[in-house]
Every structure is written in structure tokens, then in C-alpha cells.
Protein backbone atom coordinates (compact mmCIF):
# COMPACT_ATOMS: atom_id res chain seq x y z
CA MET A 1 0.00 0.00 0.00
CA GLN A 2 2.09 2.92 -1.18
CA LYS A 3 1.75 6.44 0.11
CA GLY A 4 2.01 7.88 -3.38
CA LEU A 5 -1.30 6.36 -4.30
CA ILE A 6 -3.22 8.28 -1.67
CA LEU A 7 -3.89 12.00 -1.87
CA GLY A 8 -5.13 13.16 1.51
CA ILE A 9 -8.81 12.47 1.68
CA ALA A 10 -9.68 9.45 -0.41
CA ALA A 11 -12.14 11.54 -2.39
CA ALA A 12 -9.20 13.57 -3.59
CA ALA A 13 -7.51 10.35 -4.60
CA VAL A 14 -9.88 10.00 -7.51
CA PHE A 15 -7.84 12.48 -9.43
CA ALA A 16 -8.36 10.96 -12.86
CA THR A 17 -11.56 12.81 -13.71
CA ALA A 18 -13.15 12.59 -17.11
CA CYS A 19 -11.05 14.34 -19.73
CA SER A 20 -12.47 17.48 -21.29
CA THR A 21 -12.70 17.97 -25.04
CA ASP A 22 -11.77 21.62 -24.50
CA PRO A 23 -7.96 21.81 -24.35
CA LEU A 24 -8.22 25.01 -22.31
CA GLN A 25 -10.34 23.31 -19.67
CA VAL A 26 -7.97 21.36 -17.43
CA PRO A 27 -9.64 19.21 -14.71
CA ASN A 28 -8.62 20.11 -11.17
CA PRO A 29 -7.17 16.91 -9.62
CA ASN A 30 -7.97 18.21 -6.13
CA SER A 31 -11.67 18.74 -6.90
CA PRO A 32 -12.84 15.50 -8.50
CA THR A 33 -16.46 14.95 -9.39
CA VAL A 34 -18.57 11.84 -8.80
CA ALA A 35 -19.30 11.68 -12.50
CA GLY A 36 -15.64 11.92 -13.44
CA ALA A 37 -14.53 9.37 -10.88
CA SER A 38 -17.34 6.99 -11.78
CA ALA A 39 -16.19 6.94 -15.38
CA ASP A 40 -12.56 6.25 -14.49
CA PRO A 41 -11.75 2.54 -14.04
CA GLY A 42 -8.67 3.34 -11.92
CA ALA A 43 -10.40 5.68 -9.50
CA LEU A 44 -12.13 2.96 -7.50
CA GLN A 45 -8.86 1.18 -6.73
CA LEU A 46 -7.33 4.44 -5.53
CA GLN A 47 -10.29 5.12 -3.28
CA ALA A 48 -10.36 1.59 -1.84
CA THR A 49 -6.62 1.79 -1.16
CA GLY A 50 -7.12 5.17 0.49
CA ILE A 51 -9.90 3.87 2.73
CA LEU A 52 -7.73 0.98 3.92
CA ARG A 53 -4.77 3.27 4.44
CA ASN A 54 -6.83 5.67 6.54
CA PHE A 55 -8.37 2.72 8.38
CA ARG A 56 -4.86 1.65 9.30
CA GLY A 57 -3.68 5.17 10.10
CA GLY A 58 -5.58 5.67 13.34
CA LEU A 59 -5.04 2.26 14.87
CA GLY A 60 -1.76 3.03 16.63
CA GLY A 61 -3.35 5.95 18.46
CA TYR A 62 -6.35 3.84 19.42
CA ILE A 63 -4.16 1.06 20.80
CA THR A 64 -1.85 3.29 22.84
CA ALA A 65 -4.68 5.50 24.15
CA THR A 66 -6.76 2.55 25.34
CA ALA A 67 -3.58 0.96 26.74
CA ARG A 68 -2.99 3.97 28.97
CA PHE A 69 -6.61 4.21 30.08
CA GLY A 70 -6.68 0.46 30.76
CA ARG A 71 -3.33 0.40 32.55
CA GLU A 72 -1.81 -1.94 30.00
CA GLY A 73 1.08 0.38 29.29
CA TYR A 74 2.50 3.88 29.38
CA ILE A 75 4.18 6.08 26.79
CA TYR A 76 7.19 7.37 28.70
CA THR A 77 8.59 9.95 26.29
CA PRO A 78 11.52 11.59 28.11
CA ASN A 79 10.70 15.15 27.00
CA GLU A 80 6.92 15.03 26.77
CA GLY A 81 5.11 14.39 30.03
CA ARG A 82 1.70 15.02 28.46
CA ASN A 83 1.85 11.55 26.91
CA THR A 84 1.28 10.39 30.48
CA SER A 85 -0.46 13.24 32.30
CA HIS A 86 -3.17 13.88 29.73
CA TYR A 87 -4.37 10.27 29.97
CA LEU A 88 -3.93 9.48 33.65
CA ILE A 89 -4.35 12.87 35.36
CA GLY A 90 -6.19 15.06 32.87
CA LEU A 91 -7.13 18.42 34.33
CA ALA A 92 -5.37 18.38 37.70
CA GLY A 93 -7.71 17.74 40.61
CA GLN A 94 -10.81 17.56 38.40
CA ASN A 95 -10.90 13.86 37.51
CA ARG A 96 -11.69 14.62 33.89
CA LEU A 97 -9.74 14.71 30.68
CA ASP A 98 -8.76 17.90 28.90
CA PRO A 99 -10.91 18.30 25.73
CA THR A 100 -8.07 20.31 24.17
CA GLY A 101 -5.40 17.80 25.13
CA PHE A 102 -3.71 14.69 23.80
CA ALA A 103 -6.43 12.27 24.94
CA THR A 104 -9.01 13.32 22.36
CA GLY A 105 -8.05 11.03 19.49
CA VAL A 106 -10.11 8.37 17.73
CA TRP A 107 -12.24 11.11 16.21
CA GLY A 108 -10.99 13.29 13.36
CA GLY A 109 -9.22 10.49 11.49
CA ASN A 110 -12.17 8.14 11.87
CA TYR A 111 -14.66 10.71 10.63
CA GLY A 112 -12.31 11.68 7.82
CA ASN A 113 -12.40 8.07 6.67
CA LEU A 114 -16.18 7.97 7.07
CA ARG A 115 -16.33 10.94 4.68
CA ASP A 116 -14.10 9.04 2.25
CA ILE A 117 -16.38 6.01 2.51
CA PHE A 118 -19.41 8.21 1.84
CA ASN A 119 -17.74 9.54 -1.32
CA PHE A 120 -16.68 6.03 -2.32
CA LYS A 121 -20.27 4.75 -2.12
CA ASN A 122 -21.47 7.70 -4.23
CA VAL A 123 -18.88 6.89 -6.88
CA VAL A 124 -19.91 3.22 -6.86
CA ASP A 125 -23.61 4.01 -7.13
CA GLY A 126 -22.99 6.50 -9.94
CA SER A 127 -20.71 4.23 -11.96
CA THR A 128 -21.71 3.31 -15.47
CA THR A 129 -18.94 0.72 -15.84
CA LEU A 130 -19.45 -1.49 -12.79
CA THR A 131 -21.84 -4.42 -12.95
CA ALA A 132 -24.61 -4.80 -10.37
CA ALA A 133 -22.59 -7.50 -8.61
CA GLN A 134 -19.47 -5.32 -8.54
CA LYS A 135 -21.43 -2.42 -7.06
CA SER A 136 -22.85 -4.72 -4.42
CA ALA A 137 -19.40 -6.07 -3.52
CA ALA A 138 -17.87 -2.60 -3.34
CA ASN A 139 -20.65 -1.22 -1.15
CA GLY A 140 -20.44 -4.25 1.13
CA PHE A 141 -16.72 -3.64 1.58
CA ALA A 142 -17.26 0.07 2.29
CA ARG A 143 -20.07 -0.43 4.80
CA THR A 144 -18.06 -3.03 6.72
CA ILE A 145 -15.18 -0.57 7.17
CA GLU A 146 -17.68 2.19 8.01
CA ALA A 147 -19.19 0.12 10.82
CA THR A 148 -15.76 -0.81 12.18
CA GLU A 149 -14.65 2.84 12.26
CA LEU A 150 -17.81 3.74 14.18
CA LEU A 151 -17.21 0.87 16.58
CA TYR A 152 -13.85 2.41 17.50
CA VAL A 153 -15.55 5.77 18.07
CA ILE A 154 -18.34 4.44 20.30
CA SER A 155 -15.92 2.16 22.17
CA THR A 156 -14.08 5.30 23.29
CA ARG A 157 -17.08 7.65 23.78
CA ASP A 158 -19.66 5.18 25.13
CA THR A 159 -22.35 7.17 27.01
CA LEU A 160 -21.56 10.33 25.01
CA GLY A 161 -22.88 8.70 21.85
CA ALA A 162 -21.56 9.74 18.44
CA VAL A 163 -22.46 11.06 15.01
CA VAL A 164 -23.46 8.44 12.44
CA GLN A 165 -24.79 10.49 9.54
CA ILE A 166 -22.45 11.90 6.89
CA ASN A 167 -23.99 14.56 4.68
CA LEU A 168 -23.26 15.41 1.06
CA ASN A 169 -22.51 18.96 2.16
CA GLY A 170 -19.48 18.58 4.39
CA SER A 171 -20.26 21.77 6.29
CA GLN A 172 -23.74 20.53 7.24
CA LEU A 173 -23.52 19.16 10.78
CA SER A 174 -25.37 16.04 11.86
CA PRO A 175 -26.58 15.57 15.44
CA PHE A 176 -25.15 13.22 18.02
CA VAL A 177 -27.22 10.12 18.66
CA SER A 178 -27.27 7.92 21.76
CA ARG A 179 -24.96 5.01 22.44
CA ASP A 180 -27.80 2.54 21.77
CA SER A 181 -28.56 4.22 18.44
CA VAL A 182 -24.91 4.06 17.43
CA TYR A 183 -24.71 0.33 18.19
CA ARG A 184 -27.95 -0.33 16.32
CA TYR A 185 -26.64 1.65 13.36
CA ILE A 186 -23.40 -0.35 13.40
CA LEU A 187 -25.21 -3.68 13.54
CA GLY A 188 -27.67 -2.66 10.81
CA THR A 189 -24.86 -1.40 8.59
CA LEU A 190 -22.97 -4.67 9.00
CA ASP A 191 -26.09 -6.63 8.08
CA GLN A 192 -26.66 -4.48 5.00
CA ALA A 193 -23.03 -5.01 4.03
CA ASP A 194 -23.38 -8.76 4.53
CA THR A 195 -26.37 -8.84 2.17
CA GLU A 196 -24.45 -6.82 -0.41
CA LEU A 197 -21.38 -9.03 -0.14
CA ALA A 198 -23.56 -12.11 -0.63
CA ALA A 199 -24.68 -10.63 -3.95
CA GLY A 200 -21.19 -9.44 -4.82
CA GLY A 201 -20.07 -12.21 -7.13
CA ALA A 202 -16.68 -13.87 -7.16
CA ALA A 203 -14.36 -10.87 -6.84
CA PHE A 204 -14.12 -7.25 -5.75
CA PRO A 205 -13.62 -4.68 -8.52
CA PHE A 206 -10.40 -3.65 -6.75
CA VAL A 207 -7.54 -5.40 -4.96
CA LEU A 208 -7.19 -5.55 -1.17
CA HIS A 209 -3.74 -5.50 0.40
CA SER A 210 -1.94 -8.61 1.65
CA GLY A 211 -3.29 -8.26 5.19
CA PHE A 212 -6.63 -9.43 3.85
CA ALA A 213 -5.22 -12.66 2.42
CA GLY A 214 -7.95 -15.25 2.89
CA PHE A 215 -10.57 -12.47 3.19
CA ASN A 216 -10.13 -10.80 -0.20
CA THR A 217 -13.25 -11.93 -2.05
CA PRO A 218 -16.83 -10.93 -1.27
CA THR A 219 -17.49 -14.42 0.07
CA THR A 220 -14.53 -14.56 2.44
CA PHE A 221 -14.83 -10.88 3.37
CA ARG A 222 -18.29 -11.75 4.71
CA GLN A 223 -16.57 -13.84 7.40
CA PHE A 224 -14.64 -10.75 8.51
CA ASN A 225 -17.89 -8.76 8.48
CA ARG A 226 -19.59 -11.35 10.69
CA ALA A 227 -16.65 -11.36 13.11
CA ILE A 228 -16.91 -7.58 13.54
CA LYS A 229 -20.66 -7.94 14.07
CA ALA A 230 -20.03 -10.51 16.81
CA ARG A 231 -17.67 -8.09 18.57
CA ALA A 232 -20.13 -5.19 18.22
CA ALA A 233 -23.09 -7.24 19.47
CA VAL A 234 -21.13 -8.51 22.49
CA TYR A 235 -20.12 -4.96 23.36
CA PHE A 236 -23.73 -3.84 22.98
CA ALA A 237 -24.95 -6.70 25.16
CA THR A 238 -22.98 -5.25 28.07
CA ARG A 239 -23.60 -1.58 27.26
CA GLY A 240 -27.35 -1.20 26.96
CA GLY A 241 -28.46 -3.91 24.57
CA GLY A 242 -29.04 -6.65 27.14
CA ASN A 243 -28.57 -10.39 26.92
CA ALA A 244 -30.65 -10.64 23.73
CA GLN A 245 -27.62 -9.22 21.92
CA TYR A 246 -25.59 -12.29 22.89
CA ALA A 247 -27.92 -14.36 20.70
CA VAL A 248 -27.35 -11.87 17.86
CA ALA A 249 -23.61 -12.23 18.41
CA ALA A 250 -23.82 -16.03 18.41
CA THR A 251 -25.50 -16.05 15.00
CA ALA A 252 -22.88 -13.72 13.58
CA LEU A 253 -20.01 -15.66 15.11
CA ALA A 254 -21.23 -18.91 13.55
CA ALA A 255 -20.86 -17.29 10.11
CA SER A 256 -17.43 -15.82 10.84
CA PHE A 257 -14.00 -17.42 10.48
CA ILE A 258 -13.95 -18.79 14.04
CA ASN A 259 -11.94 -22.00 14.42
CA THR A 260 -12.78 -23.68 17.71
CA ALA A 261 -10.22 -26.43 17.05
CA ALA A 262 -7.31 -23.96 16.99
CA ALA A 263 -4.28 -25.88 18.23
CA ASN A 264 -1.35 -23.54 17.62
CA ALA A 265 -0.36 -19.90 17.40
CA ALA A 266 -0.98 -19.71 13.65
CA ALA A 267 -4.59 -20.80 14.12
CA MET A 268 -5.05 -18.32 16.97
CA ASN A 269 -3.66 -15.50 14.82
CA ALA A 270 -5.83 -16.20 11.77
CA GLY A 271 -7.72 -13.13 10.64
CA PRO A 272 -7.29 -9.88 8.68
CA PHE A 273 -4.40 -7.60 9.62
CA HIS A 274 -3.17 -4.11 8.92
CA VAL A 275 0.19 -4.38 7.17
CA TYR A 276 3.23 -2.11 7.39
CA SER A 277 6.71 -1.89 5.95
CA THR A 278 9.85 0.22 6.00
CA ALA A 279 9.63 0.78 2.23
CA THR A 280 9.80 4.34 1.01
CA GLY A 281 6.34 5.87 0.98
CA ASP A 282 4.75 3.23 3.18
CA ALA A 283 3.90 3.48 6.88
CA GLN A 284 5.61 1.67 9.74
CA ASN A 285 3.95 0.05 12.71
CA GLY A 286 3.92 2.96 15.15
CA VAL A 287 3.76 0.76 18.25
CA GLY A 288 6.32 -1.81 17.12
CA GLN A 289 9.73 -1.47 18.76
CA ASN A 290 8.79 1.86 20.38
CA ALA A 291 11.35 2.19 23.16
CA ASP A 292 9.02 4.55 25.05
CA TYR A 293 6.09 2.09 25.13
CA LEU A 294 6.30 0.37 28.52
CA VAL A 295 4.06 -2.33 30.00
CA HIS A 296 2.39 -1.66 33.34
CA PRO A 297 4.37 -3.49 36.07
CA SER A 298 1.26 -5.29 37.30
CA TYR A 299 1.44 -7.53 34.24
CA ALA A 300 4.54 -9.26 35.60
CA THR A 301 3.02 -9.77 39.05
CA ASP A 302 -0.48 -10.79 37.94
CA ILE A 303 0.38 -13.35 35.28
CA VAL A 304 0.34 -17.02 36.28
CA ALA A 305 3.80 -18.54 36.50
CA GLY A 306 4.68 -20.30 33.26
CA ASP A 307 2.15 -18.41 31.11
CA LEU A 308 3.79 -18.09 27.71
CA ARG A 309 2.05 -14.78 27.05
CA ALA A 310 4.71 -13.12 29.20
CA SER A 311 6.77 -13.15 25.98
CA LYS A 312 4.77 -10.06 24.92
CA TRP A 313 7.07 -7.92 27.04
CA THR A 314 10.80 -7.75 27.65
CA VAL A 315 12.30 -7.24 31.10
CA LEU A 316 14.70 -4.30 31.09
CA GLY A 317 17.80 -4.11 33.22
CA THR A 318 16.84 -0.65 34.51
CA ALA A 319 13.34 0.59 35.29
CA ARG A 320 12.02 3.68 33.54
CA ASN A 321 9.60 6.37 34.68
CA ALA A 322 7.66 9.19 33.07
CA PRO A 323 9.00 12.77 33.18
CA GLN A 324 8.27 14.72 36.36
CA GLY A 325 7.34 11.53 38.22
CA LEU A 326 3.94 11.36 36.56
CA GLY A 327 3.74 7.57 36.56
CA ILE A 328 5.47 4.73 38.33
CA PRO A 329 8.67 2.89 37.47
CA THR A 330 8.40 -0.14 35.24
CA ASN A 331 11.05 -2.39 33.75
CA LEU A 332 8.73 -4.06 31.23
CA SER A 333 9.16 -3.00 27.60
CA MET A 334 6.29 -3.78 25.22
CA ASN A 335 7.23 -6.56 22.82
CA ARG A 336 3.79 -7.31 21.38
CA TYR A 337 4.89 -6.24 17.90
CA ALA A 338 8.40 -7.43 17.19
CA THR A 339 9.38 -4.92 14.48
CA ASN A 340 8.22 -1.74 12.79
CA SER A 341 6.91 -3.94 9.99
CA SER A 342 4.90 -6.29 12.20
CA PRO A 343 1.24 -6.55 11.17
CA VAL A 344 -1.46 -5.46 13.63
CA PRO A 345 -4.64 -7.52 13.84
CA ILE A 346 -8.04 -6.05 13.07
CA ILE A 347 -9.65 -9.11 14.65
CA ARG A 348 -8.17 -12.57 15.28
CA ASN A 349 -9.45 -16.06 15.91
CA GLU A 350 -8.17 -15.87 19.49
CA GLU A 351 -10.51 -12.95 20.15
CA LEU A 352 -13.36 -14.84 18.50
CA LEU A 353 -12.85 -17.78 20.86
CA LEU A 354 -13.00 -15.43 23.83
CA LEU A 355 -16.13 -13.77 22.44
CA ASP A 356 -17.61 -17.25 22.04
CA ALA A 357 -16.80 -18.06 25.67
CA GLU A 358 -18.62 -14.93 26.82
CA ILE A 359 -21.59 -15.54 24.52
CA ARG A 360 -21.97 -19.15 25.61
CA TRP A 361 -21.75 -18.32 29.31
CA PHE A 362 -24.48 -15.70 29.15
CA THR A 363 -26.72 -17.81 26.93
CA GLY A 364 -26.59 -20.82 29.23
CA ASP A 365 -23.93 -23.03 27.61
CA LYS A 366 -21.52 -22.77 30.51
CA VAL A 367 -19.65 -26.02 29.87
CA ASN A 368 -18.55 -24.92 26.41
CA ALA A 369 -17.86 -21.41 27.68
CA ILE A 370 -15.22 -22.84 30.03
CA ALA A 371 -13.95 -25.09 27.25
CA ARG A 372 -13.29 -22.03 25.07
CA LEU A 373 -11.40 -20.31 27.88
CA ASN A 374 -9.30 -23.41 28.39
CA THR A 375 -8.54 -23.70 24.66
CA VAL A 376 -7.09 -20.20 24.68
CA ARG A 377 -5.35 -20.79 27.99
CA SER A 378 -3.77 -24.02 26.81
CA VAL A 379 -2.72 -22.96 23.31
CA SER A 380 -1.65 -19.36 23.97
CA GLY A 381 -0.76 -19.58 27.65
CA GLY A 382 0.84 -23.00 27.52
CA GLY A 383 -0.48 -26.23 28.96
CA ALA A 384 1.74 -25.93 32.03
CA ILE A 385 -0.45 -23.20 33.56
CA GLY A 386 -3.41 -25.55 34.00
CA ALA A 387 -7.12 -25.04 33.57
CA SER A 388 -9.01 -21.83 34.28
CA ALA A 389 -10.09 -21.28 37.86
CA ALA A 390 -13.68 -20.88 36.66
CA THR A 391 -15.95 -23.89 36.15
CA ALA A 392 -19.47 -24.34 34.87
CA ALA A 393 -20.62 -24.03 38.49
CA SER A 394 -18.95 -20.66 39.03
CA THR A 395 -20.79 -17.42 39.65
CA ASP A 396 -21.03 -14.85 36.87
CA ALA A 397 -18.50 -12.73 38.74
CA ALA A 398 -16.00 -15.58 38.91
CA PHE A 399 -16.46 -16.31 35.22
CA ILE A 400 -15.87 -12.66 34.35
CA ASP A 401 -12.68 -12.77 36.46
CA ALA A 402 -11.46 -15.73 34.42
CA LEU A 403 -12.56 -14.20 31.11
CA LEU A 404 -10.82 -10.90 31.85
CA TYR A 405 -7.60 -12.71 32.74
CA GLU A 406 -7.50 -14.47 29.37
CA ARG A 407 -8.52 -11.34 27.45
CA ARG A 408 -5.96 -9.27 29.35
CA PHE A 409 -2.98 -11.40 28.40
CA SER A 410 -4.13 -12.77 25.04
CA LEU A 411 -5.22 -9.39 23.64
CA LEU A 412 -2.50 -7.20 25.14
CA SER A 413 -1.98 -4.01 23.13
CA GLU A 414 -4.87 -4.71 20.78
CA GLY A 415 -7.19 -2.12 22.33
CA HIS A 416 -9.48 -4.12 24.63
CA ARG A 417 -8.73 -3.99 28.37
CA TRP A 418 -10.14 -0.52 29.12
CA VAL A 419 -13.24 -1.27 27.06
CA ASP A 420 -13.66 -4.63 28.81
CA HIS A 421 -13.39 -3.17 32.30
CA ARG A 422 -15.89 -0.47 31.48
CA ARG A 423 -18.45 -2.80 29.96
CA PHE A 424 -18.30 -5.14 32.96
CA GLY A 425 -18.45 -2.27 35.46
CA ARG A 426 -14.90 -2.87 36.69
CA LEU A 427 -13.05 0.35 35.97
CA ALA A 428 -12.46 0.72 39.71
CA ALA A 429 -10.38 -2.48 39.62
CA LEU A 430 -7.74 -0.83 37.40
CA PRO A 431 -4.70 0.33 39.38
CA LEU A 432 -4.25 3.95 40.44
CA ASP A 433 -0.50 4.39 40.60
CA LEU A 434 -0.54 7.84 42.24
CA THR A 435 -3.44 8.58 44.55
CA THR A 436 -2.53 11.86 46.24
CA GLY A 437 -1.28 15.29 45.31
CA THR A 438 -1.69 17.36 42.15
CA ASN A 439 -0.55 14.44 39.99
CA ALA A 440 -3.08 11.97 41.41
CA HIS A 441 -4.32 9.52 38.79
CA PHE A 442 -7.89 8.62 37.94
CA VAL A 443 -9.44 6.14 35.50
CA ALA A 444 -11.26 7.88 32.67
CA VAL A 445 -14.69 6.50 31.77
CA VAL A 446 -14.80 7.99 28.26
CA MET A 447 -12.62 10.04 25.97
CA PRO A 448 -13.94 13.59 25.58
CA VAL A 449 -15.34 15.03 22.39
CA PRO A 450 -12.56 17.27 21.03
CA GLN A 451 -13.12 20.93 21.84
CA GLY A 452 -12.76 21.82 18.16
CA GLU A 453 -15.86 19.76 17.41
CA CYS A 454 -17.70 21.49 20.23
CA LEU A 455 -16.73 24.96 19.00
CA VAL A 456 -17.96 24.25 15.48
CA ARG A 457 -21.28 23.08 16.92
CA ALA A 458 -21.54 26.13 19.16
CA ARG A 459 -21.12 28.42 16.15
CA ALA A 460 -23.99 26.61 14.42
CA ASN A 461 -26.27 28.15 17.07
CA ASP A 462 -28.61 25.16 16.97
CA PRO A 463 -29.25 23.40 20.31
CA ALA A 464 -30.14 20.20 18.47
CA LEU A 465 -26.57 19.97 17.21
CA ALA A 466 -24.82 20.56 20.51
CA GLY A 467 -22.50 17.72 21.33
CA PRO A 468 -22.46 15.98 24.71
CA GLY A 469 -19.88 17.30 27.08
CA CYS A 470 -19.58 20.52 25.10
């Protein structure tokens, strides 16, 4: 996926507009039209590549932000204390995050890509060269990425809700909708995409990058779509949707790429990935081999002796701390991604097995719920650590303890622990490393809406458009 192929917003990437017969009328490559792009066979590939590149672009920030909130790890930059303070302290003494600070990500980039997806769908629908099946496949691809981007947004904003409607006029604001409405929109969009992919024929009218190997046709991409729906429905089950959403998740999971017989690391890691490289013009994995990305010291003390997942960090000879004593010393360096070219999962089979365990427990199949936990524990943790402490006779609380242990160590630095603790009502169980003084830590419940968004809405002078927390 080369940088030269993408021009800012993916809409601008469709630079090859229809040629004019007037030699004095030169098309502006930075102001493409739907009609021009729709008539250009190469435009769709550029847009699809741009969407995937933007989809990849925000993931590092999502992972490291949720890692700090969830006490997975710190970013101890020697000369920039705000990489710690803005996430763990926020506005001193107020127990809230600064809406003008560092901890306001997972917003602009996601909505920028949602705008690109909106433009992409307009180009597809206006095309005179694509077949009906190709249009269906392309729209199914776009809606799946759209829903996943929104899932990242609502996973970080939760009770604040989010904006789901993109308008043709980019300056026309859409209102915030509730958390429940966002989840229902995500699930409905994924279902619409699934229907479109089913009618999408044998191939996409564009090429997906190598991270989608095994998921690069409309048929196999549907399995990725169903996996994302399972994640979204499980999240919704614990954040307003109720246990009925576990049944929705179970149906989706059955149509995904889940492999319950996974017996090795390769089977656990199966799934679509974002890919990176050190090639000129490409992007590197921003969290791979980052010397300032440290693992919270509790990981070394809380892991069961012999658990092979301890290989996800490296023990340093000398402990490090954040500038100005804003954190606590740790000698654990993050090793989840071995190099700057290491791929980052979008969703893996290991996560699907843990979703299946949760679904089965809360739909009454407790025996198989424990079996799924033990599969993950045995294959990823290593057989020497024994079976999970939870059994089919355990309380819900004991099962959640066991589930959170496996999710904590299996999904380290994939963006889950903070979300998991919030959705199970356990944010208070996350460690507070400094509890007194002006640098006292707190656990954020949500990321704030960026102040810039709030200011734009305030200037609109329409109470219906006011954002929450603004």
C-alpha cells in the first residue's frame, strides 16, 4: 500500500476525472467529481486503497490511548510528560480529561475516513462501468469498514454517543445520537453489508492488500464482516443492549471465520491484519519497537507462572519512569509487535474464541464457555499453567474474572482492556498508581469530544446539534 497512491482524503484520490474535449479546460485533480470518478476505471482502486490506508492510520493511536486508560502500558517519552499526564491525570484535581489535550483522538481520522467512505459509495452508485454484482461487492466492503470505524468511536465515547450520519454537504452538521442508536446503526450497517457481499459475485472490482489474504473476495470478506458484528453485538450486550444481543452475536459468530479447534499460534492469529513496511512511501507500525512504550508493572506480578504470554514484554535491566514523576517505574518493555513492519490484527481467531466463551456463558452453555477459555489458555498460555479457575458451576462474577484474565494477556496491546473493564463495570479495579497530590491519577470513563468539534457546533447556534460534554 504505497503512500504515493493516496492524496489526503480518499475523495481527492480519484484524481483521474473525465477528460475534457476543451484543451483550455484542465480538470482540477484536487476537486474531483462523482461523474468523473465513476467513469474512471482506476479511480475505485485508488479510493479503496485510500480507505484501507486511513483505516490503518488511526489504529496506533487507538491502541496506545486505550492501553494507557486500561493500565496496559504507558508512553514514557523523556521530554513530553503530556503523553502520560493527559491520559492518567487530565485536568489536575478535576478527575476529567482535557478536551483540548492529547487524549481526544479516535475522532478526526475516523470521521475523515467515514467521509471518504461516503464519497466512495457515491462513486460506486454513480458508476456506469461497474456491474450490479461489482457495485454490491464494493458497497459491502465500504459499509463493513464504516461500521468498524464507528465501533472504534463508540468504544471510546460510550455514554456520550456519536455522530453516524455523513452529509453530502461537508459543512452541514449532523446531530449526536445515543450510544444505543450508534450500536444499532453499526449492527444494521454490518447486516446491509453482509447482504451486499452475498450478492457481490466472485471478486471485488479492486484489490485488497496482503493483510486481507484469505478475506479478499466478497465471500470470504463476509466472514470478517460477521466477526466484527459478533464483537459489536457482544459490546452492545454489556452496554445497553441486554442479553438478547448475545444471541445476535452467536448467529454472527457462527458465520465468521472462528476456528474452535485452533491448536497452535498460527490458528489463533488467523484473521485480517493491517500491514506495514519500512519501504519508502509506506507506513511503519507505530507501536512496534517503540522504546518509550512500557508495559504496566502489574502484568509481571499478575500473570500465572509459566504463562507463555509473558513473551509479549521484555524485562529491562533498569526501570524507567515518566518525566516529572507522573507515573510509576516499570522495567517491562512492550514486545507485542516485534518490528516496525509487524502486522497489527483487526480481529483474530483468538478474540473470536474469547467472544464465544462470553456468549456461551451468558446464553446458558456454561460447559462450552469454560472449554473455550481453556482452549485459549492451553494454546496461547501453555499447557503448564493448567485449567481456568472458573468452572461451569462458578458465579457470573468468577467467570468474568477468568474471562478478563484471558482477554488481558491474550489481547495485550490490541485495544481491549479498558473497554472490557468499562463494559463489565470494573473500571475501579484498574490500578491507580498515584493517589494523592496534584498528579493523582484517575481512571477515565470515556474520551472527551474534542473541543474543536464542540466549538464548530456552538457556532452553528442550533441546540439540536450541541454535542455531549460541550
